Amino acid sequence: MLKVTLRKSMIGRPEKHRKVLRGMGLTKLNRTVELEDTPSIRGMINKVSHLVRIED
């Protein structure tokens, strides 16, 4: 399981980034979600790595 926390705002970001964050369940700043460590989740995290913090 991975803990993913939204650290920077979605305001002014491309729509693709917003959709990825919503798909992971991140809607508000400093919100943390636990996600399974799968290749698809890793790909989503790579797209928005500058906006989130990841913990194992």
N, C-alpha and C. Protein backbone atom coordinates (compact mmCIF):
# COMPACT_ATOMS: atom_id res chain seq x y z
N MET A 1 0.85 -1.19 0.00
CA MET A 1 0.00 0.00 0.00
C MET A 1 0.89 1.25 0.00
N LEU A 2 0.42 2.26 -0.70
CA LEU A 2 1.12 3.54 -0.77
C LEU A 2 0.22 4.62 -0.16
N LYS A 3 0.82 5.52 0.61
CA LYS A 3 0.10 6.68 1.11
C LYS A 3 0.46 7.85 0.21
N VAL A 4 -0.54 8.44 -0.41
CA VAL A 4 -0.33 9.56 -1.33
C VAL A 4 -1.04 10.78 -0.75
N THR A 5 -0.30 11.88 -0.61
CA THR A 5 -0.83 13.12 -0.04
C THR A 5 -0.73 14.23 -1.07
N LEU A 6 -1.81 14.97 -1.27
CA LEU A 6 -1.80 16.12 -2.17
C LEU A 6 -1.14 17.29 -1.47
N ARG A 7 0.01 17.75 -1.98
CA ARG A 7 0.80 18.79 -1.33
C ARG A 7 0.65 20.16 -2.00
N LYS A 8 0.31 20.20 -3.28
CA LYS A 8 0.16 21.47 -3.99
C LYS A 8 -1.21 21.51 -4.64
N SER A 9 -1.73 22.72 -4.83
CA SER A 9 -3.07 22.92 -5.35
C SER A 9 -3.20 22.51 -6.81
N MET A 10 -4.44 22.14 -7.18
CA MET A 10 -4.76 21.81 -8.57
C MET A 10 -5.06 23.06 -9.38
N ILE A 11 -5.19 24.20 -8.74
CA ILE A 11 -5.56 25.43 -9.44
C ILE A 11 -4.48 25.78 -10.46
N GLY A 12 -4.90 26.02 -11.69
CA GLY A 12 -3.99 26.40 -12.75
C GLY A 12 -3.27 25.24 -13.40
N ARG A 13 -3.59 24.03 -13.01
CA ARG A 13 -2.95 22.84 -13.59
C ARG A 13 -3.75 22.36 -14.80
N PRO A 14 -3.12 21.64 -15.70
CA PRO A 14 -3.84 21.12 -16.87
C PRO A 14 -4.96 20.16 -16.45
N GLU A 15 -5.97 20.05 -17.27
CA GLU A 15 -7.11 19.20 -16.97
C GLU A 15 -6.70 17.73 -16.81
N LYS A 16 -5.69 17.28 -17.57
CA LYS A 16 -5.20 15.90 -17.42
C LYS A 16 -4.71 15.64 -16.01
N HIS A 17 -3.98 16.59 -15.43
CA HIS A 17 -3.48 16.43 -14.07
C HIS A 17 -4.63 16.37 -13.08
N ARG A 18 -5.62 17.22 -13.27
CA ARG A 18 -6.78 17.24 -12.37
C ARG A 18 -7.53 15.91 -12.41
N LYS A 19 -7.69 15.36 -13.62
CA LYS A 19 -8.39 14.09 -13.75
C LYS A 19 -7.63 12.96 -13.08
N VAL A 20 -6.31 12.98 -13.19
CA VAL A 20 -5.49 11.95 -12.54
C VAL A 20 -5.64 12.05 -11.02
N LEU A 21 -5.58 13.26 -10.49
CA LEU A 21 -5.71 13.43 -9.04
C LEU A 21 -7.09 13.01 -8.55
N ARG A 22 -8.14 13.38 -9.28
CA ARG A 22 -9.49 12.96 -8.90
C ARG A 22 -9.63 11.45 -8.99
N GLY A 23 -9.00 10.84 -9.97
CA GLY A 23 -9.04 9.39 -10.12
C GLY A 23 -8.39 8.67 -8.96
N MET A 24 -7.41 9.31 -8.34
CA MET A 24 -6.76 8.73 -7.17
C MET A 24 -7.51 9.06 -5.88
N GLY A 25 -8.52 9.91 -5.97
CA GLY A 25 -9.30 10.27 -4.78
C GLY A 25 -8.79 11.48 -4.05
N LEU A 26 -7.92 12.26 -4.68
CA LEU A 26 -7.37 13.46 -4.05
C LEU A 26 -8.14 14.68 -4.55
N THR A 27 -8.85 15.35 -3.64
CA THR A 27 -9.65 16.50 -4.04
C THR A 27 -9.28 17.76 -3.28
N LYS A 28 -8.72 17.63 -2.09
CA LYS A 28 -8.37 18.80 -1.28
C LYS A 28 -6.91 18.73 -0.85
N LEU A 29 -6.34 19.88 -0.58
CA LEU A 29 -4.96 19.95 -0.12
C LEU A 29 -4.77 19.16 1.17
N ASN A 30 -3.62 18.55 1.31
CA ASN A 30 -3.22 17.78 2.49
C ASN A 30 -4.10 16.57 2.75
N ARG A 31 -4.93 16.17 1.80
CA ARG A 31 -5.72 14.95 1.94
C ARG A 31 -4.83 13.75 1.58
N THR A 32 -4.93 12.70 2.37
CA THR A 32 -4.12 11.49 2.15
C THR A 32 -5.03 10.32 1.82
N VAL A 33 -4.63 9.53 0.83
CA VAL A 33 -5.36 8.32 0.48
C VAL A 33 -4.36 7.16 0.44
N GLU A 34 -4.85 5.96 0.73
CA GLU A 34 -4.03 4.76 0.63
C GLU A 34 -4.44 4.02 -0.63
N LEU A 35 -3.46 3.74 -1.48
CA LEU A 35 -3.70 3.07 -2.76
C LEU A 35 -2.81 1.85 -2.86
N GLU A 36 -3.28 0.84 -3.60
CA GLU A 36 -2.47 -0.34 -3.84
C GLU A 36 -1.30 0.01 -4.75
N ASP A 37 -0.19 -0.69 -4.56
CA ASP A 37 1.01 -0.44 -5.35
C ASP A 37 0.94 -1.27 -6.63
N THR A 38 0.27 -0.72 -7.65
CA THR A 38 0.14 -1.39 -8.94
C THR A 38 0.81 -0.53 -10.01
N PRO A 39 1.14 -1.11 -11.16
CA PRO A 39 1.76 -0.33 -12.23
C PRO A 39 0.90 0.85 -12.69
N SER A 40 -0.41 0.69 -12.71
CA SER A 40 -1.27 1.78 -13.16
C SER A 40 -1.26 2.94 -12.16
N ILE A 41 -1.26 2.63 -10.87
CA ILE A 41 -1.19 3.68 -9.85
C ILE A 41 0.17 4.37 -9.90
N ARG A 42 1.24 3.59 -10.10
CA ARG A 42 2.58 4.19 -10.22
C ARG A 42 2.64 5.15 -11.40
N GLY A 43 2.00 4.79 -12.51
CA GLY A 43 1.97 5.67 -13.68
C GLY A 43 1.23 6.96 -13.39
N MET A 44 0.12 6.86 -12.65
CA MET A 44 -0.64 8.06 -12.27
C MET A 44 0.20 8.96 -11.38
N ILE A 45 0.92 8.36 -10.44
CA ILE A 45 1.77 9.13 -9.52
C ILE A 45 2.89 9.83 -10.29
N ASN A 46 3.46 9.14 -11.29
CA ASN A 46 4.53 9.75 -12.08
C ASN A 46 4.04 10.99 -12.83
N LYS A 47 2.78 10.99 -13.28
CA LYS A 47 2.23 12.13 -14.02
C LYS A 47 2.12 13.38 -13.14
N VAL A 48 1.83 13.18 -11.86
CA VAL A 48 1.60 14.32 -10.96
C VAL A 48 2.57 14.30 -9.78
N SER A 49 3.77 13.77 -9.99
CA SER A 49 4.73 13.61 -8.89
C SER A 49 5.13 14.96 -8.26
N HIS A 50 5.02 16.04 -9.03
CA HIS A 50 5.38 17.37 -8.51
C HIS A 50 4.29 17.96 -7.61
N LEU A 51 3.13 17.29 -7.54
CA LEU A 51 2.02 17.79 -6.72
C LEU A 51 1.77 16.94 -5.48
N VAL A 52 2.35 15.74 -5.41
CA VAL A 52 2.02 14.81 -4.33
C VAL A 52 3.26 14.37 -3.58
N ARG A 53 3.01 13.81 -2.39
CA ARG A 53 4.07 13.18 -1.60
C ARG A 53 3.68 11.72 -1.43
N ILE A 54 4.67 10.82 -1.59
CA ILE A 54 4.40 9.39 -1.54
C ILE A 54 5.16 8.77 -0.36
N GLU A 55 4.46 7.92 0.40
CA GLU A 55 5.08 7.16 1.47
C GLU A 55 4.72 5.69 1.27
N ASP A 56 5.67 4.82 1.59
CA ASP A 56 5.39 3.38 1.47
C ASP A 56 4.65 2.86 2.67
